[in-house]
Amino acid sequence: TDSIAKAGKMSKNQFFTMRYESKVDKEQNLQL
C-alpha cells in the first residue's frame, strides 16, 4: 500500500508533465 501511494505521487507528477507537454505541443501546432 505504501508502494501504491508512492507510485500514485509519481504518476501525478507525470500527469502534470503530460499536461505541460500537451500545452507546448498545442502552442507549436498553432505556430505552424
PDB file of all heavy atoms in Angstrom:
ATOM      1  N   THR A   1       0.837  -1.211   0.000  1.00  0.00           N
ATOM      2  CA  THR A   1       0.000   0.000   0.000  1.00  0.00           C
ATOM      3  C   THR A   1       0.871   1.259   0.000  1.00  0.00           C
ATOM      4  O   THR A   1       0.517   2.259  -0.635  1.00  0.00           O
ATOM      5  CB  THR A   1      -0.957   0.026   1.206  1.00  0.00           C
ATOM      6  OG1 THR A   1      -0.219  -0.247   2.420  1.00  0.00           O
ATOM      7  CG2 THR A   1      -2.070  -0.997   1.054  1.00  0.00           C
ATOM      8  N   ASP A   2       2.028   1.203   0.675  1.00  0.00           N
ATOM      9  CA  ASP A   2       2.981   2.325   0.629  1.00  0.00           C
ATOM     10  C   ASP A   2       3.532   2.502  -0.786  1.00  0.00           C
ATOM     11  O   ASP A   2       3.673   3.635  -1.271  1.00  0.00           O
ATOM     12  CB  ASP A   2       4.148   2.078   1.592  1.00  0.00           C
ATOM     13  CG  ASP A   2       3.759   2.311   3.048  1.00  0.00           C
ATOM     14  OD1 ASP A   2       2.691   2.916   3.277  1.00  0.00           O
ATOM     15  OD2 ASP A   2       4.509   1.886   3.944  1.00  0.00           O
ATOM     16  N   SER A   3       3.824   1.380  -1.442  1.00  0.00           N
ATOM     17  CA  SER A   3       4.346   1.430  -2.818  1.00  0.00           C
ATOM     18  C   SER A   3       3.318   2.035  -3.765  1.00  0.00           C
ATOM     19  O   SER A   3       3.658   2.831  -4.648  1.00  0.00           O
ATOM     20  CB  SER A   3       4.712   0.022  -3.294  1.00  0.00           C
ATOM     21  OG  SER A   3       5.741  -0.516  -2.488  1.00  0.00           O
ATOM     22  N   ILE A   4       2.060   1.656  -3.574  1.00  0.00           N
ATOM     23  CA  ILE A   4       0.980   2.192  -4.420  1.00  0.00           C
ATOM     24  C   ILE A   4       0.862   3.698  -4.218  1.00  0.00           C
ATOM     25  O   ILE A   4       0.692   4.463  -5.173  1.00  0.00           O
ATOM     26  CB  ILE A   4      -0.365   1.492  -4.102  1.00  0.00           C
ATOM     27  CG1 ILE A   4      -0.319   0.037  -4.587  1.00  0.00           C
ATOM     28  CG2 ILE A   4      -1.530   2.232  -4.758  1.00  0.00           C
ATOM     29  CD1 ILE A   4      -1.517  -0.790  -4.146  1.00  0.00           C
ATOM     30  N   ALA A   5       0.980   4.137  -2.944  1.00  0.00           N
ATOM     31  CA  ALA A   5       0.883   5.572  -2.643  1.00  0.00           C
ATOM     32  C   ALA A   5       2.017   6.352  -3.315  1.00  0.00           C
ATOM     33  O   ALA A   5       1.798   7.424  -3.895  1.00  0.00           O
ATOM     34  CB  ALA A   5       0.914   5.786  -1.134  1.00  0.00           C
ATOM     35  N   LYS A   6       3.239   5.795  -3.250  1.00  0.00           N
ATOM     36  CA  LYS A   6       4.391   6.452  -3.880  1.00  0.00           C
ATOM     37  C   LYS A   6       4.231   6.493  -5.400  1.00  0.00           C
ATOM     38  O   LYS A   6       4.528   7.496  -6.045  1.00  0.00           O
ATOM     39  CB  LYS A   6       5.681   5.716  -3.515  1.00  0.00           C
ATOM     40  CG  LYS A   6       6.119   5.933  -2.069  1.00  0.00           C
ATOM     41  CD  LYS A   6       7.355   5.119  -1.745  1.00  0.00           C
ATOM     42  CE  LYS A   6       7.747   5.291  -0.279  1.00  0.00           C
ATOM     43  NZ  LYS A   6       8.910   4.433   0.078  1.00  0.00           N
ATOM     44  N   ALA A   7       3.761   5.378  -5.963  1.00  0.00           N
ATOM     45  CA  ALA A   7       3.546   5.315  -7.409  1.00  0.00           C
ATOM     46  C   ALA A   7       2.491   6.323  -7.838  1.00  0.00           C
ATOM     47  O   ALA A   7       2.589   6.945  -8.896  1.00  0.00           O
ATOM     48  CB  ALA A   7       3.110   3.906  -7.822  1.00  0.00           C
ATOM     49  N   GLY A   8       1.494   6.503  -6.963  1.00  0.00           N
ATOM     50  CA  GLY A   8       0.442   7.476  -7.248  1.00  0.00           C
ATOM     51  C   GLY A   8       0.984   8.890  -7.318  1.00  0.00           C
ATOM     52  O   GLY A   8       0.618   9.667  -8.198  1.00  0.00           O
ATOM     53  N   LYS A   9       1.910   9.216  -6.403  1.00  0.00           N
ATOM     54  CA  LYS A   9       2.526  10.558  -6.409  1.00  0.00           C
ATOM     55  C   LYS A   9       3.359  10.766  -7.663  1.00  0.00           C
ATOM     56  O   LYS A   9       3.337  11.825  -8.282  1.00  0.00           O
ATOM     57  CB  LYS A   9       3.397  10.735  -5.159  1.00  0.00           C
ATOM     58  CG  LYS A   9       2.601  10.925  -3.874  1.00  0.00           C
ATOM     59  CD  LYS A   9       3.525  11.073  -2.682  1.00  0.00           C
ATOM     60  CE  LYS A   9       2.727  11.223  -1.381  1.00  0.00           C
ATOM     61  NZ  LYS A   9       3.612  11.322  -0.209  1.00  0.00           N
ATOM     62  N   MET A  10       4.118   9.730  -8.043  1.00  0.00           N
ATOM     63  CA  MET A  10       4.944   9.823  -9.251  1.00  0.00           C
ATOM     64  C   MET A  10       4.070   9.985 -10.493  1.00  0.00           C
ATOM     65  O   MET A  10       4.369  10.761 -11.389  1.00  0.00           O
ATOM     66  CB  MET A  10       5.811   8.567  -9.384  1.00  0.00           C
ATOM     67  CG  MET A  10       6.934   8.492  -8.363  1.00  0.00           C
ATOM     68  SD  MET A  10       7.846   6.947  -8.483  1.00  0.00           S
ATOM     69  CE  MET A  10       8.630   7.153 -10.078  1.00  0.00           C
ATOM     70  N   SER A  11       2.956   9.259 -10.503  1.00  0.00           N
ATOM     71  CA  SER A  11       2.048   9.339 -11.655  1.00  0.00           C
ATOM     72  C   SER A  11       1.400  10.704 -11.750  1.00  0.00           C
ATOM     73  O   SER A  11       1.152  11.213 -12.839  1.00  0.00           O
ATOM     74  CB  SER A  11       0.973   8.254 -11.552  1.00  0.00           C
ATOM     75  OG  SER A  11       1.546   6.982 -11.665  1.00  0.00           O
ATOM     76  N   LYS A  12       1.107  11.302 -10.600  1.00  0.00           N
ATOM     77  CA  LYS A  12       0.522  12.655 -10.606  1.00  0.00           C
ATOM     78  C   LYS A  12       1.511  13.650 -11.215  1.00  0.00           C
ATOM     79  O   LYS A  12       1.130  14.514 -12.001  1.00  0.00           O
ATOM     80  CB  LYS A  12       0.154  13.083  -9.184  1.00  0.00           C
ATOM     81  CG  LYS A  12      -1.143  12.456  -8.691  1.00  0.00           C
ATOM     82  CD  LYS A  12      -1.476  12.918  -7.286  1.00  0.00           C
ATOM     83  CE  LYS A  12      -2.754  12.241  -6.795  1.00  0.00           C
ATOM     84  NZ  LYS A  12      -3.084  12.626  -5.402  1.00  0.00           N
ATOM     85  N   ASN A  13       2.796  13.510 -10.817  1.00  0.00           N
ATOM     86  CA  ASN A  13       3.822  14.383 -11.403  1.00  0.00           C
ATOM     87  C   ASN A  13       3.919  14.159 -12.913  1.00  0.00           C
ATOM     88  O   ASN A  13       4.064  15.099 -13.689  1.00  0.00           O
ATOM     89  CB  ASN A  13       5.183  14.101 -10.761  1.00  0.00           C
ATOM     90  CG  ASN A  13       5.230  14.552  -9.310  1.00  0.00           C
ATOM     91  OD1 ASN A  13       4.492  15.460  -8.928  1.00  0.00           O
ATOM     92  ND2 ASN A  13       6.069  13.922  -8.520  1.00  0.00           N
ATOM     93  N   GLN A  14       3.815  12.887 -13.306  1.00  0.00           N
ATOM     94  CA  GLN A  14       3.855  12.544 -14.729  1.00  0.00           C
ATOM     95  C   GLN A  14       2.651  13.154 -15.440  1.00  0.00           C
ATOM     96  O   GLN A  14       2.758  13.612 -16.575  1.00  0.00           O
ATOM     97  CB  GLN A  14       3.839  11.023 -14.882  1.00  0.00           C
ATOM     98  CG  GLN A  14       4.033  10.550 -16.309  1.00  0.00           C
ATOM     99  CD  GLN A  14       3.954   9.035 -16.416  1.00  0.00           C
ATOM    100  OE1 GLN A  14       3.753   8.335 -15.426  1.00  0.00           O
ATOM    101  NE2 GLN A  14       4.100   8.530 -17.617  1.00  0.00           N
ATOM    102  N   PHE A  15       1.504  13.149 -14.762  1.00  0.00           N
ATOM    103  CA  PHE A  15       0.282  13.711 -15.339  1.00  0.00           C
ATOM    104  C   PHE A  15       0.444  15.208 -15.594  1.00  0.00           C
ATOM    105  O   PHE A  15       0.080  15.708 -16.664  1.00  0.00           O
ATOM    106  CB  PHE A  15      -0.892  13.459 -14.391  1.00  0.00           C
ATOM    107  CG  PHE A  15      -2.198  13.999 -14.894  1.00  0.00           C
ATOM    108  CD1 PHE A  15      -2.844  13.382 -15.948  1.00  0.00           C
ATOM    109  CD2 PHE A  15      -2.774  15.111 -14.311  1.00  0.00           C
ATOM    110  CE1 PHE A  15      -4.054  13.864 -16.424  1.00  0.00           C
ATOM    111  CE2 PHE A  15      -3.980  15.607 -14.779  1.00  0.00           C
ATOM    112  CZ  PHE A  15      -4.625  14.969 -15.826  1.00  0.00           C
ATOM    113  N   PHE A  16       1.016  15.928 -14.620  1.00  0.00           N
ATOM    114  CA  PHE A  16       1.218  17.364 -14.789  1.00  0.00           C
ATOM    115  C   PHE A  16       2.242  17.641 -15.887  1.00  0.00           C
ATOM    116  O   PHE A  16       2.117  18.604 -16.641  1.00  0.00           O
ATOM    117  CB  PHE A  16       1.659  18.002 -13.474  1.00  0.00           C
ATOM    118  CG  PHE A  16       0.555  18.064 -12.455  1.00  0.00           C
ATOM    119  CD1 PHE A  16       0.715  17.501 -11.194  1.00  0.00           C
ATOM    120  CD2 PHE A  16      -0.655  18.675 -12.752  1.00  0.00           C
ATOM    121  CE1 PHE A  16      -0.316  17.549 -10.254  1.00  0.00           C
ATOM    122  CE2 PHE A  16      -1.682  18.733 -11.824  1.00  0.00           C
ATOM    123  CZ  PHE A  16      -1.511  18.171 -10.573  1.00  0.00           C
ATOM    124  N   THR A  17       3.277  16.775 -15.969  1.00  0.00           N
ATOM    125  CA  THR A  17       4.263  16.912 -17.044  1.00  0.00           C
ATOM    126  C   THR A  17       3.596  16.724 -18.400  1.00  0.00           C
ATOM    127  O   THR A  17       3.859  17.459 -19.351  1.00  0.00           O
ATOM    128  CB  THR A  17       5.391  15.862 -16.880  1.00  0.00           C
ATOM    129  OG1 THR A  17       6.009  16.058 -15.604  1.00  0.00           O
ATOM    130  CG2 THR A  17       6.425  15.986 -17.977  1.00  0.00           C
ATOM    131  N   MET A  18       2.714  15.710 -18.484  1.00  0.00           N
ATOM    132  CA  MET A  18       1.986  15.443 -19.724  1.00  0.00           C
ATOM    133  C   MET A  18       1.134  16.638 -20.116  1.00  0.00           C
ATOM    134  O   MET A  18       1.073  17.019 -21.279  1.00  0.00           O
ATOM    135  CB  MET A  18       1.111  14.197 -19.547  1.00  0.00           C
ATOM    136  CG  MET A  18       0.368  13.752 -20.810  1.00  0.00           C
ATOM    137  SD  MET A  18      -1.220  14.585 -21.071  1.00  0.00           S
ATOM    138  CE  MET A  18      -2.186  13.861 -19.762  1.00  0.00           C
ATOM    139  N   ARG A  19       0.480  17.243 -19.141  1.00  0.00           N
ATOM    140  CA  ARG A  19      -0.353  18.407 -19.418  1.00  0.00           C
ATOM    141  C   ARG A  19       0.484  19.569 -19.953  1.00  0.00           C
ATOM    142  O   ARG A  19       0.092  20.263 -20.890  1.00  0.00           O
ATOM    143  CB  ARG A  19      -1.092  18.842 -18.152  1.00  0.00           C
ATOM    144  CG  ARG A  19      -2.239  17.928 -17.769  1.00  0.00           C
ATOM    145  CD  ARG A  19      -2.991  18.441 -16.578  1.00  0.00           C
ATOM    146  NE  ARG A  19      -3.666  19.700 -16.874  1.00  0.00           N
ATOM    147  CZ  ARG A  19      -4.330  20.407 -15.967  1.00  0.00           C
ATOM    148  NH1 ARG A  19      -4.419  19.992 -14.727  1.00  0.00           N
ATOM    149  NH2 ARG A  19      -4.909  21.533 -16.301  1.00  0.00           N
ATOM    150  N   TYR A  20       1.684  19.749 -19.362  1.00  0.00           N
ATOM    151  CA  TYR A  20       2.583  20.817 -19.831  1.00  0.00           C
ATOM    152  C   TYR A  20       3.035  20.533 -21.256  1.00  0.00           C
ATOM    153  O   TYR A  20       3.007  21.403 -22.116  1.00  0.00           O
ATOM    154  CB  TYR A  20       3.793  20.921 -18.903  1.00  0.00           C
ATOM    155  CG  TYR A  20       4.865  21.841 -19.439  1.00  0.00           C
ATOM    156  CD1 TYR A  20       4.711  23.229 -19.390  1.00  0.00           C
ATOM    157  CD2 TYR A  20       6.018  21.318 -20.024  1.00  0.00           C
ATOM    158  CE1 TYR A  20       5.691  24.071 -19.905  1.00  0.00           C
ATOM    159  CE2 TYR A  20       6.997  22.153 -20.536  1.00  0.00           C
ATOM    160  CZ  TYR A  20       6.829  23.533 -20.465  1.00  0.00           C
ATOM    161  OH  TYR A  20       7.791  24.357 -20.983  1.00  0.00           O
ATOM    162  N   GLU A  21       3.460  19.258 -21.500  1.00  0.00           N
ATOM    163  CA  GLU A  21       3.918  18.889 -22.845  1.00  0.00           C
ATOM    164  C   GLU A  21       2.795  19.052 -23.864  1.00  0.00           C
ATOM    165  O   GLU A  21       3.015  19.470 -24.991  1.00  0.00           O
ATOM    166  CB  GLU A  21       4.427  17.441 -22.842  1.00  0.00           C
ATOM    167  CG  GLU A  21       5.748  17.285 -22.102  1.00  0.00           C
ATOM    168  CD  GLU A  21       6.168  15.836 -21.988  1.00  0.00           C
ATOM    169  OE1 GLU A  21       5.338  14.954 -22.305  1.00  0.00           O
ATOM    170  OE2 GLU A  21       7.306  15.589 -21.560  1.00  0.00           O
ATOM    171  N   SER A  22       1.586  18.699 -23.453  1.00  0.00           N
ATOM    172  CA  SER A  22       0.431  18.844 -24.333  1.00  0.00           C
ATOM    173  C   SER A  22       0.198  20.305 -24.684  1.00  0.00           C
ATOM    174  O   SER A  22      -0.114  20.650 -25.830  1.00  0.00           O
ATOM    175  CB  SER A  22      -0.810  18.258 -23.658  1.00  0.00           C
ATOM    176  OG  SER A  22      -1.929  18.430 -24.461  1.00  0.00           O
ATOM    177  N   LYS A  23       0.384  21.184 -23.682  1.00  0.00           N
ATOM    178  CA  LYS A  23       0.212  22.627 -23.913  1.00  0.00           C
ATOM    179  C   LYS A  23       1.272  23.144 -24.889  1.00  0.00           C
ATOM    180  O   LYS A  23       0.984  23.915 -25.800  1.00  0.00           O
ATOM    181  CB  LYS A  23       0.326  23.371 -22.578  1.00  0.00           C
ATOM    182  CG  LYS A  23       0.080  24.878 -22.705  1.00  0.00           C
ATOM    183  CD  LYS A  23       0.212  25.552 -21.349  1.00  0.00           C
ATOM    184  CE  LYS A  23       0.030  27.070 -21.498  1.00  0.00           C
ATOM    185  NZ  LYS A  23       0.234  27.766 -20.219  1.00  0.00           N
ATOM    186  N   VAL A  24       2.518  22.677 -24.706  1.00  0.00           N
ATOM    187  CA  VAL A  24       3.615  23.087 -25.594  1.00  0.00           C
ATOM    188  C   VAL A  24       3.336  22.609 -27.022  1.00  0.00           C
ATOM    189  O   VAL A  24       3.499  23.354 -27.987  1.00  0.00           O
ATOM    190  CB  VAL A  24       4.974  22.522 -25.096  1.00  0.00           C
ATOM    191  CG1 VAL A  24       6.059  22.736 -26.137  1.00  0.00           C
ATOM    192  CG2 VAL A  24       5.361  23.196 -23.780  1.00  0.00           C
ATOM    193  N   ASP A  25       2.903  21.337 -27.146  1.00  0.00           N
ATOM    194  CA  ASP A  25       2.581  20.792 -28.471  1.00  0.00           C
ATOM    195  C   ASP A  25       1.487  21.605 -29.140  1.00  0.00           C
ATOM    196  O   ASP A  25       1.533  21.873 -30.342  1.00  0.00           O
ATOM    197  CB  ASP A  25       2.119  19.333 -28.353  1.00  0.00           C
ATOM    198  CG  ASP A  25       3.271  18.405 -28.001  1.00  0.00           C
ATOM    199  OD1 ASP A  25       4.432  18.829 -28.172  1.00  0.00           O
ATOM    200  OD2 ASP A  25       3.010  17.280 -27.546  1.00  0.00           O
ATOM    201  N   LYS A  26       0.481  21.992 -28.351  1.00  0.00           N
ATOM    202  CA  LYS A  26      -0.632  22.779 -28.884  1.00  0.00           C
ATOM    203  C   LYS A  26      -0.138  24.136 -29.393  1.00  0.00           C
ATOM    204  O   LYS A  26      -0.516  24.589 -30.475  1.00  0.00           O
ATOM    205  CB  LYS A  26      -1.686  22.974 -27.797  1.00  0.00           C
ATOM    206  CG  LYS A  26      -2.985  23.599 -28.299  1.00  0.00           C
ATOM    207  CD  LYS A  26      -4.004  23.652 -27.184  1.00  0.00           C
ATOM    208  CE  LYS A  26      -5.308  24.271 -27.686  1.00  0.00           C
ATOM    209  NZ  LYS A  26      -6.315  24.370 -26.603  1.00  0.00           N
ATOM    210  N   GLU A  27       0.743  24.775 -28.595  1.00  0.00           N
ATOM    211  CA  GLU A  27       1.286  26.070 -28.996  1.00  0.00           C
ATOM    212  C   GLU A  27       2.126  25.951 -30.262  1.00  0.00           C
ATOM    213  O   GLU A  27       2.073  26.802 -31.150  1.00  0.00           O
ATOM    214  CB  GLU A  27       2.128  26.657 -27.856  1.00  0.00           C
ATOM    215  CG  GLU A  27       1.277  27.146 -26.680  1.00  0.00           C
ATOM    216  CD  GLU A  27       2.133  27.562 -25.489  1.00  0.00           C
ATOM    217  OE1 GLU A  27       3.361  27.342 -25.527  1.00  0.00           O
ATOM    218  OE2 GLU A  27       1.559  28.086 -24.521  1.00  0.00           O
ATOM    219  N   GLN A  28       2.912  24.864 -30.362  1.00  0.00           N
ATOM    220  CA  GLN A  28       3.734  24.637 -31.552  1.00  0.00           C
ATOM    221  C   GLN A  28       2.858  24.409 -32.789  1.00  0.00           C
ATOM    222  O   GLN A  28       3.161  24.899 -33.872  1.00  0.00           O
ATOM    223  CB  GLN A  28       4.661  23.441 -31.335  1.00  0.00           C
ATOM    224  CG  GLN A  28       5.804  23.733 -30.372  1.00  0.00           C
ATOM    225  CD  GLN A  28       6.641  22.511 -30.088  1.00  0.00           C
ATOM    226  OE1 GLN A  28       6.238  21.379 -30.377  1.00  0.00           O
ATOM    227  NE2 GLN A  28       7.804  22.710 -29.493  1.00  0.00           N
ATOM    228  N   ASN A  29       1.764  23.672 -32.606  1.00  0.00           N
ATOM    229  CA  ASN A  29       0.842  23.435 -33.717  1.00  0.00           C
ATOM    230  C   ASN A  29       0.198  24.725 -34.183  1.00  0.00           C
ATOM    231  O   ASN A  29       0.028  24.952 -35.385  1.00  0.00           O
ATOM    232  CB  ASN A  29      -0.245  22.437 -33.305  1.00  0.00           C
ATOM    233  CG  ASN A  29       0.296  21.028 -33.195  1.00  0.00           C
ATOM    234  OD1 ASN A  29       1.277  20.696 -33.850  1.00  0.00           O
ATOM    235  ND2 ASN A  29      -0.333  20.197 -32.377  1.00  0.00           N
ATOM    236  N   LEU A  30      -0.175  25.574 -33.228  1.00  0.00           N
ATOM    237  CA  LEU A  30      -0.765  26.871 -33.575  1.00  0.00           C
ATOM    238  C   LEU A  30       0.236  27.731 -34.341  1.00  0.00           C
ATOM    239  O   LEU A  30      -0.121  28.425 -35.289  1.00  0.00           O
ATOM    240  CB  LEU A  30      -1.229  27.594 -32.301  1.00  0.00           C
ATOM    241  CG  LEU A  30      -2.488  27.038 -31.622  1.00  0.00           C
ATOM    242  CD1 LEU A  30      -2.701  27.712 -30.279  1.00  0.00           C
ATOM    243  CD2 LEU A  30      -3.711  27.229 -32.515  1.00  0.00           C
ATOM    244  N   GLN A  31       1.512  27.669 -33.898  1.00  0.00           N
ATOM    245  CA  GLN A  31       2.565  28.436 -34.577  1.00  0.00           C
ATOM    246  C   GLN A  31       2.758  27.942 -36.013  1.00  0.00           C
ATOM    247  O   GLN A  31       2.887  28.734 -36.942  1.00  0.00           O
ATOM    248  CB  GLN A  31       3.880  28.296 -33.806  1.00  0.00           C
ATOM    249  CG  GLN A  31       5.002  29.185 -34.380  1.00  0.00           C
ATOM    250  CD  GLN A  31       6.282  29.060 -33.564  1.00  0.00           C
ATOM    251  OE1 GLN A  31       6.290  28.475 -32.496  1.00  0.00           O
ATOM    252  NE2 GLN A  31       7.350  29.596 -34.083  1.00  0.00           N
ATOM    253  N   LEU A  32       2.743  26.618 -36.194  1.00  0.00           N
ATOM    254  CA  LEU A  32       2.878  26.054 -37.535  1.00  0.00           C
ATOM    255  C   LEU A  32       1.713  26.460 -38.436  1.00  0.00           C
ATOM    256  O   LEU A  32       1.892  26.765 -39.611  1.00  0.00           O
ATOM    257  CB  LEU A  32       2.968  24.526 -37.453  1.00  0.00           C
ATOM    258  CG  LEU A  32       4.290  23.950 -36.958  1.00  0.00           C
ATOM    259  CD1 LEU A  32       4.158  22.451 -36.729  1.00  0.00           C
ATOM    260  CD2 LEU A  32       5.412  24.241 -37.946  1.00  0.00           C
TER     261      LEU A  32
END
